[in-house]
Amino acid sequence: MIYIRLNELLEEHQKRHRLEKPISLRELAERIDVHRESLRRFAANKMDRIPVDVVEKVCLFFNCDIGELLLILNDDEEIKKNSSP
């Protein structure tokens, strides 16, 4: 399973830039010129196919590598992630 760390990157961005709250998906979508609903599904890990252009835009915005945005989880890691509170 591929896990998309967009929510974690939003939180890290907040801390790094000392913002009161993370930027919203709506604001991020506007800044990187991606449809808001697509970005919402991307953040919720509800995409069957991951658009390369969205990955590129998110990585450029956060100044991160693809490996910081996308993780490959094996079945055990997926089970732990889904069962954690």
C-alpha atoms as a PDB file:
ATOM      1  CA  MET A   1       0.000   0.000   0.000  1.00  0.00           C
ATOM      2  CA  ILE A   2       1.199   3.507  -0.752  1.00  0.00           C
ATOM      3  CA  TYR A   3       0.566   5.962   2.077  1.00  0.00           C
ATOM      4  CA  ILE A   4       0.397   9.676   1.281  1.00  0.00           C
ATOM      5  CA  ARG A   5       1.827  11.849   4.064  1.00  0.00           C
ATOM      6  CA  LEU A   6       0.151  15.100   3.041  1.00  0.00           C
ATOM      7  CA  ASN A   7      -1.452  15.747   6.432  1.00  0.00           C
ATOM      8  CA  GLU A   8       1.873  15.213   8.175  1.00  0.00           C
ATOM      9  CA  LEU A   9       3.597  17.597   5.763  1.00  0.00           C
ATOM     10  CA  LEU A  10       0.938  20.229   6.465  1.00  0.00           C
ATOM     11  CA  GLU A  11       1.634  19.919  10.209  1.00  0.00           C
ATOM     12  CA  GLU A  12       5.405  20.034   9.688  1.00  0.00           C
ATOM     13  CA  HIS A  13       4.973  23.134   7.513  1.00  0.00           C
ATOM     14  CA  GLN A  14       2.979  24.766  10.324  1.00  0.00           C
ATOM     15  CA  LYS A  15       5.712  24.078  12.875  1.00  0.00           C
ATOM     16  CA  ARG A  16       8.562  25.063  10.577  1.00  0.00           C
ATOM     17  CA  HIS A  17       6.947  28.406   9.727  1.00  0.00           C
ATOM     18  CA  ARG A  18       5.509  28.952  13.216  1.00  0.00           C
ATOM     19  CA  LEU A  19       1.961  29.299  11.976  1.00  0.00           C
ATOM     20  CA  GLU A  20      -0.996  29.248  14.364  1.00  0.00           C
ATOM     21  CA  LYS A  21      -2.603  26.481  12.336  1.00  0.00           C
ATOM     22  CA  PRO A  22      -1.681  24.492   9.252  1.00  0.00           C
ATOM     23  CA  ILE A  23      -2.790  25.843   5.915  1.00  0.00           C
ATOM     24  CA  SER A  24      -6.051  24.290   4.801  1.00  0.00           C
ATOM     25  CA  LEU A  25      -6.359  21.886   1.918  1.00  0.00           C
ATOM     26  CA  ARG A  26      -8.423  24.554   0.188  1.00  0.00           C
ATOM     27  CA  GLU A  27      -5.625  27.116   0.501  1.00  0.00           C
ATOM     28  CA  LEU A  28      -3.012  24.582  -0.588  1.00  0.00           C
ATOM     29  CA  ALA A  29      -5.139  23.602  -3.582  1.00  0.00           C
ATOM     30  CA  GLU A  30      -5.362  27.240  -4.620  1.00  0.00           C
ATOM     31  CA  ARG A  31      -1.636  27.819  -4.159  1.00  0.00           C
ATOM     32  CA  ILE A  32      -0.569  24.794  -6.188  1.00  0.00           C
ATOM     33  CA  ASP A  33      -3.411  25.003  -8.724  1.00  0.00           C
ATOM     34  CA  VAL A  34      -5.002  21.620  -8.016  1.00  0.00           C
ATOM     35  CA  HIS A  35      -8.726  20.944  -7.720  1.00  0.00           C
ATOM     36  CA  ARG A  36      -9.702  20.959  -4.028  1.00  0.00           C
ATOM     37  CA  GLU A  37     -11.613  17.667  -4.190  1.00  0.00           C
ATOM     38  CA  SER A  38      -8.631  15.928  -5.800  1.00  0.00           C
ATOM     39  CA  LEU A  39      -6.366  17.205  -3.043  1.00  0.00           C
ATOM     40  CA  ARG A  40      -8.876  16.104  -0.376  1.00  0.00           C
ATOM     41  CA  ARG A  41      -8.916  12.546  -1.778  1.00  0.00           C
ATOM     42  CA  PHE A  42      -5.120  12.674  -2.050  1.00  0.00           C
ATOM     43  CA  ALA A  43      -4.807  13.653   1.641  1.00  0.00           C
ATOM     44  CA  ALA A  44      -7.297  10.965   2.682  1.00  0.00           C
ATOM     45  CA  ASN A  45      -5.370   8.267   0.791  1.00  0.00           C
ATOM     46  CA  LYS A  46      -8.487   7.523  -1.268  1.00  0.00           C
ATOM     47  CA  MET A  47      -6.933   7.523  -4.732  1.00  0.00           C
ATOM     48  CA  ASP A  48      -6.475   4.443  -6.888  1.00  0.00           C
ATOM     49  CA  ARG A  49      -4.014   6.305  -9.074  1.00  0.00           C
ATOM     50  CA  ILE A  50      -1.682   8.993  -7.848  1.00  0.00           C
ATOM     51  CA  PRO A  51      -1.368  11.856 -10.359  1.00  0.00           C
ATOM     52  CA  VAL A  52       2.283  12.662 -11.004  1.00  0.00           C
ATOM     53  CA  ASP A  53       1.502  16.355 -11.502  1.00  0.00           C
ATOM     54  CA  VAL A  54      -0.075  16.563  -8.022  1.00  0.00           C
ATOM     55  CA  VAL A  55       2.917  14.795  -6.454  1.00  0.00           C
ATOM     56  CA  GLU A  56       5.251  17.222  -8.210  1.00  0.00           C
ATOM     57  CA  LYS A  57       3.292  20.308  -7.133  1.00  0.00           C
ATOM     58  CA  VAL A  58       3.031  19.162  -3.510  1.00  0.00           C
ATOM     59  CA  CYS A  59       6.740  18.300  -3.350  1.00  0.00           C
ATOM     60  CA  LEU A  60       7.695  21.660  -4.846  1.00  0.00           C
ATOM     61  CA  PHE A  61       5.440  23.521  -2.406  1.00  0.00           C
ATOM     62  CA  PHE A  62       6.869  21.739   0.647  1.00  0.00           C
ATOM     63  CA  ASN A  63      10.380  21.570  -0.822  1.00  0.00           C
ATOM     64  CA  CYS A  64      10.504  17.846  -0.132  1.00  0.00           C
ATOM     65  CA  ASP A  65      11.485  14.654  -1.905  1.00  0.00           C
ATOM     66  CA  ILE A  66       8.916  12.173  -3.150  1.00  0.00           C
ATOM     67  CA  GLY A  67       9.983   9.775  -0.391  1.00  0.00           C
ATOM     68  CA  GLU A  68       8.912  12.315   2.217  1.00  0.00           C
ATOM     69  CA  LEU A  69       5.430  12.462   0.681  1.00  0.00           C
ATOM     70  CA  LEU A  70       4.845   8.850  -0.349  1.00  0.00           C
ATOM     71  CA  LEU A  71       5.594   5.785   1.752  1.00  0.00           C
ATOM     72  CA  ILE A  72       5.255   2.147   0.782  1.00  0.00           C
ATOM     73  CA  LEU A  73       3.776   0.144   3.648  1.00  0.00           C
ATOM     74  CA  ASN A  74       3.701  -3.623   3.845  1.00  0.00           C
ATOM     75  CA  ASP A  75       0.607  -5.417   5.167  1.00  0.00           C
ATOM     76  CA  ASP A  76       1.845  -5.438   8.789  1.00  0.00           C
ATOM     77  CA  GLU A  77       2.516  -1.697   8.780  1.00  0.00           C
ATOM     78  CA  GLU A  78      -0.879  -1.048   7.195  1.00  0.00           C
ATOM     79  CA  ILE A  79      -2.617  -3.058   9.904  1.00  0.00           C
ATOM     80  CA  LYS A  80      -0.747  -1.190  12.684  1.00  0.00           C
ATOM     81  CA  LYS A  81      -1.536   2.181  11.128  1.00  0.00           C
ATOM     82  CA  ASN A  82      -5.239   1.389  10.758  1.00  0.00           C
ATOM     83  CA  SER A  83      -5.543   0.009  14.299  1.00  0.00           C
ATOM     84  CA  SER A  84      -3.763   2.878  16.085  1.00  0.00           C
ATOM     85  CA  PRO A  85      -5.966   5.481  17.814  1.00  0.00           C
END
